[in-house]
Amino acid sequence: MPVRLVVDERSIAGLARRDVVRRAGAMLAALQMPDAELSIVLTGDDQIRKLNRMYRKKDRATDVLAFAQREGELGELAGALLGDVVVSVPTARRQAAAAGRDVRSEVMQLLAHGLLHLLGWDHDTPAADRRMRRETDRLCAAADAASRARDGKAAAPRSVKGGSRRRANGDSSRRGAPR
């Protein structure tokens, strides 16, 4: 399960690189894709805004972008490579504070959300949105359990205030490519 983590932002306090990689690996295992390749970029608002403007024609920061390698004309050539999930840590911090949870939980919600987009999931209807939120929660629970097991702690139930994350930046609409 190759997970590559790139940190493009110095303000990642509260996030341990190994923990992010371990949790991402647990999400892939929960999806029964332990051999899949995933790239994660933790960045700032300026960089994600540039990417959002370049690829989605939206000149604003967002919380997460997903660049799927298995879609499009040459998607069948991607092999095990799923793609890239880019998370804005400052946006995640603001959303975490608004939701009353820690930044790691928010980043994991965003990572799971982006990972599902890499696999073709979308939230373009209320029913699809509910399914995607449930699967996001399941992936986060698997990541939490794997982290607790590694740390030797009992697997306590995970509580997320308000259920799945709600997008604080008002960008909950269908993403397009990238998602």
Protein backbone atom coordinates (compact mmCIF):
# COMPACT_ATOMS: atom_id res chain seq x y z
CA MET A 1 0.00 0.00 0.00
CA PRO A 2 2.21 2.82 -1.19
CA VAL A 3 1.02 6.09 0.28
CA ARG A 4 3.10 9.13 -0.54
CA LEU A 5 2.72 12.20 1.63
CA VAL A 6 3.95 15.62 0.55
CA VAL A 7 3.78 18.48 3.02
CA ASP A 8 3.78 21.87 1.34
CA GLU A 9 2.82 23.87 4.41
CA ARG A 10 4.73 24.50 7.63
CA SER A 11 1.59 24.91 9.73
CA ILE A 12 0.82 21.23 10.23
CA ALA A 13 1.02 21.26 14.02
CA GLY A 14 -1.19 18.52 15.40
CA LEU A 15 -0.54 16.27 12.39
CA ALA A 16 2.15 13.60 12.51
CA ARG A 17 3.33 12.48 9.07
CA ARG A 18 3.48 8.80 10.06
CA ASP A 19 -0.02 8.97 11.51
CA VAL A 20 -1.44 10.47 8.31
CA VAL A 21 0.23 7.77 6.20
CA ARG A 22 -0.88 4.98 8.57
CA ARG A 23 -4.46 6.23 8.59
CA ALA A 24 -4.51 6.58 4.78
CA GLY A 25 -3.26 3.00 4.52
CA ALA A 26 -6.04 1.85 6.83
CA MET A 27 -8.58 3.59 4.60
CA LEU A 28 -7.19 1.77 1.56
CA ALA A 29 -7.35 -1.52 3.46
CA ALA A 30 -10.98 -0.81 4.43
CA LEU A 31 -11.70 -0.33 0.74
CA GLN A 32 -10.03 -3.69 0.06
CA MET A 33 -7.37 -1.90 -1.96
CA PRO A 34 -4.20 -2.49 0.08
CA ASP A 35 -1.97 -2.40 -3.02
CA ALA A 36 -3.37 0.85 -4.42
CA GLU A 37 -1.09 3.87 -4.71
CA LEU A 38 -2.21 7.19 -3.26
CA SER A 39 -0.54 10.57 -3.15
CA ILE A 40 -1.53 13.05 -0.44
CA VAL A 41 -0.52 16.71 -0.43
CA LEU A 42 -1.02 18.80 2.70
CA THR A 43 -0.80 22.39 1.62
CA GLY A 44 -1.95 25.92 2.35
CA ASP A 45 -4.78 28.07 1.08
CA ASP A 46 -2.63 29.88 -1.51
CA GLN A 47 -1.55 26.69 -3.25
CA ILE A 48 -4.96 25.03 -3.21
CA ARG A 49 -6.48 28.26 -4.51
CA LYS A 50 -4.06 28.17 -7.46
CA LEU A 51 -4.98 24.56 -8.19
CA ASN A 52 -8.69 25.30 -7.83
CA ARG A 53 -8.39 28.25 -10.21
CA MET A 54 -6.31 26.29 -12.73
CA TYR A 55 -8.36 23.09 -12.83
CA ARG A 56 -11.85 24.11 -11.74
CA LYS A 57 -11.91 27.76 -12.82
CA LYS A 58 -12.86 28.76 -9.26
CA ASP A 59 -10.65 31.51 -7.86
CA ARG A 60 -10.91 30.65 -4.19
CA ALA A 61 -9.38 28.30 -1.68
CA THR A 62 -11.22 25.07 -1.00
CA ASP A 63 -10.71 22.34 1.57
CA VAL A 64 -9.89 19.35 -0.65
CA LEU A 65 -9.23 18.56 -4.29
CA ALA A 66 -8.95 15.10 -5.82
CA PHE A 67 -7.09 14.39 -9.05
CA ALA A 68 -8.11 10.93 -10.22
CA GLN A 69 -5.72 8.98 -12.41
CA ARG A 70 -8.22 6.27 -13.34
CA GLU A 71 -10.58 8.62 -15.16
CA GLY A 72 -10.49 10.01 -18.65
CA GLU A 73 -9.08 8.84 -21.90
CA LEU A 74 -5.97 7.13 -20.49
CA GLY A 75 -7.46 6.04 -17.17
CA GLU A 76 -6.95 2.35 -17.88
CA LEU A 77 -3.17 2.94 -17.89
CA ALA A 78 -3.11 4.12 -14.26
CA GLY A 79 -2.79 0.61 -12.84
CA ALA A 80 -2.65 0.74 -9.05
CA LEU A 81 -2.30 4.54 -9.02
CA LEU A 82 -5.51 6.13 -7.72
CA GLY A 83 -4.38 9.75 -7.89
CA ASP A 84 -3.72 12.73 -5.67
CA VAL A 85 -5.71 14.15 -2.78
CA VAL A 86 -4.76 17.74 -1.92
CA VAL A 87 -5.89 19.10 1.47
CA SER A 88 -5.63 22.69 2.65
CA VAL A 89 -4.51 22.47 6.28
CA PRO A 90 -5.50 26.07 7.15
CA THR A 91 -9.01 25.49 5.78
CA ALA A 92 -9.19 22.19 7.66
CA ARG A 93 -8.19 24.04 10.86
CA ARG A 94 -10.98 26.58 10.42
CA GLN A 95 -13.54 23.88 9.68
CA ALA A 96 -12.36 21.81 12.66
CA ALA A 97 -12.71 24.80 14.98
CA ALA A 98 -16.20 25.52 13.64
CA ALA A 99 -17.23 21.87 14.14
CA GLY A 100 -15.63 21.59 17.60
CA ARG A 101 -13.15 18.83 16.73
CA ASP A 102 -9.42 18.47 16.29
CA VAL A 103 -7.60 19.23 13.04
CA ARG A 104 -6.49 15.60 12.57
CA SER A 105 -10.11 14.43 12.48
CA GLU A 106 -10.98 17.11 9.94
CA VAL A 107 -8.00 16.29 7.73
CA MET A 108 -8.96 12.60 7.86
CA GLN A 109 -12.56 13.46 6.86
CA LEU A 110 -11.22 15.48 3.94
CA LEU A 111 -8.79 12.72 2.97
CA ALA A 112 -11.54 10.08 3.02
CA HIS A 113 -13.82 12.38 1.01
CA GLY A 114 -11.12 12.99 -1.58
CA LEU A 115 -10.22 9.30 -1.73
CA LEU A 116 -13.83 8.43 -2.51
CA HIS A 117 -13.82 10.99 -5.32
CA LEU A 118 -10.72 9.26 -6.74
CA LEU A 119 -12.78 6.08 -6.87
CA GLY A 120 -15.65 7.78 -8.73
CA TRP A 121 -17.97 8.55 -5.81
CA ASP A 122 -19.91 11.78 -6.00
CA HIS A 123 -22.51 13.67 -3.99
CA ASP A 124 -24.60 15.11 -6.79
CA THR A 125 -27.94 13.95 -5.35
CA PRO A 126 -29.19 13.86 -1.76
CA ALA A 127 -29.11 10.03 -1.76
CA ALA A 128 -25.58 9.92 -3.19
CA ASP A 129 -24.49 12.52 -0.64
CA ARG A 130 -25.86 10.39 2.22
CA ARG A 131 -24.10 7.28 0.89
CA MET A 132 -20.84 9.17 0.48
CA ARG A 133 -21.03 10.62 4.00
CA ARG A 134 -21.64 7.13 5.45
CA GLU A 135 -18.68 5.72 3.55
CA THR A 136 -16.51 8.68 4.60
CA ASP A 137 -17.44 7.98 8.23
CA ARG A 138 -16.66 4.26 7.76
CA LEU A 139 -13.22 5.03 6.35
CA CYS A 140 -12.45 7.45 9.18
CA ALA A 141 -13.54 4.85 11.73
CA ALA A 142 -11.21 2.29 10.11
CA ALA A 143 -8.36 4.81 10.23
CA ASP A 144 -9.07 5.57 13.89
CA ALA A 145 -9.20 1.87 14.77
CA ALA A 146 -5.88 1.19 13.02
CA SER A 147 -4.25 4.08 14.81
CA ARG A 148 -5.60 2.95 18.19
CA ALA A 149 -4.49 -0.64 17.55
CA ARG A 150 -0.98 0.54 16.72
CA ASP A 151 -0.91 2.68 19.84
CA GLY A 152 -2.23 -0.25 21.93
CA LYS A 153 -5.41 1.55 22.95
CA ALA A 154 -8.90 0.08 23.03
CA ALA A 155 -11.03 0.94 20.02
CA ALA A 156 -13.47 3.43 21.48
CA PRO A 157 -16.40 4.57 19.37
CA ARG A 158 -15.71 7.62 17.24
CA SER A 159 -17.90 10.62 17.77
CA VAL A 160 -18.07 13.37 15.19
CA LYS A 161 -20.10 16.39 16.18
CA GLY A 162 -22.88 16.76 13.66
CA GLY A 163 -22.04 13.55 11.78
CA SER A 164 -20.07 13.82 8.58
CA ARG A 165 -18.28 17.02 7.89
CA ARG A 166 -20.23 19.84 6.38
CA ARG A 167 -18.30 22.05 3.99
CA ALA A 168 -17.70 25.38 5.67
CA ASN A 169 -16.70 27.12 2.45
CA GLY A 170 -20.01 26.53 0.72
CA ASP A 171 -18.41 24.37 -1.97
CA SER A 172 -20.45 21.20 -1.49
CA SER A 173 -21.60 21.12 -5.10
CA ARG A 174 -20.44 18.55 -7.60
CA ARG A 175 -16.79 19.06 -8.28
CA GLY A 176 -16.16 17.89 -11.83
CA ALA A 177 -12.54 17.10 -12.73
CA PRO A 178 -10.75 17.35 -10.44
CA ARG A 179 -13.23 16.34 -7.86
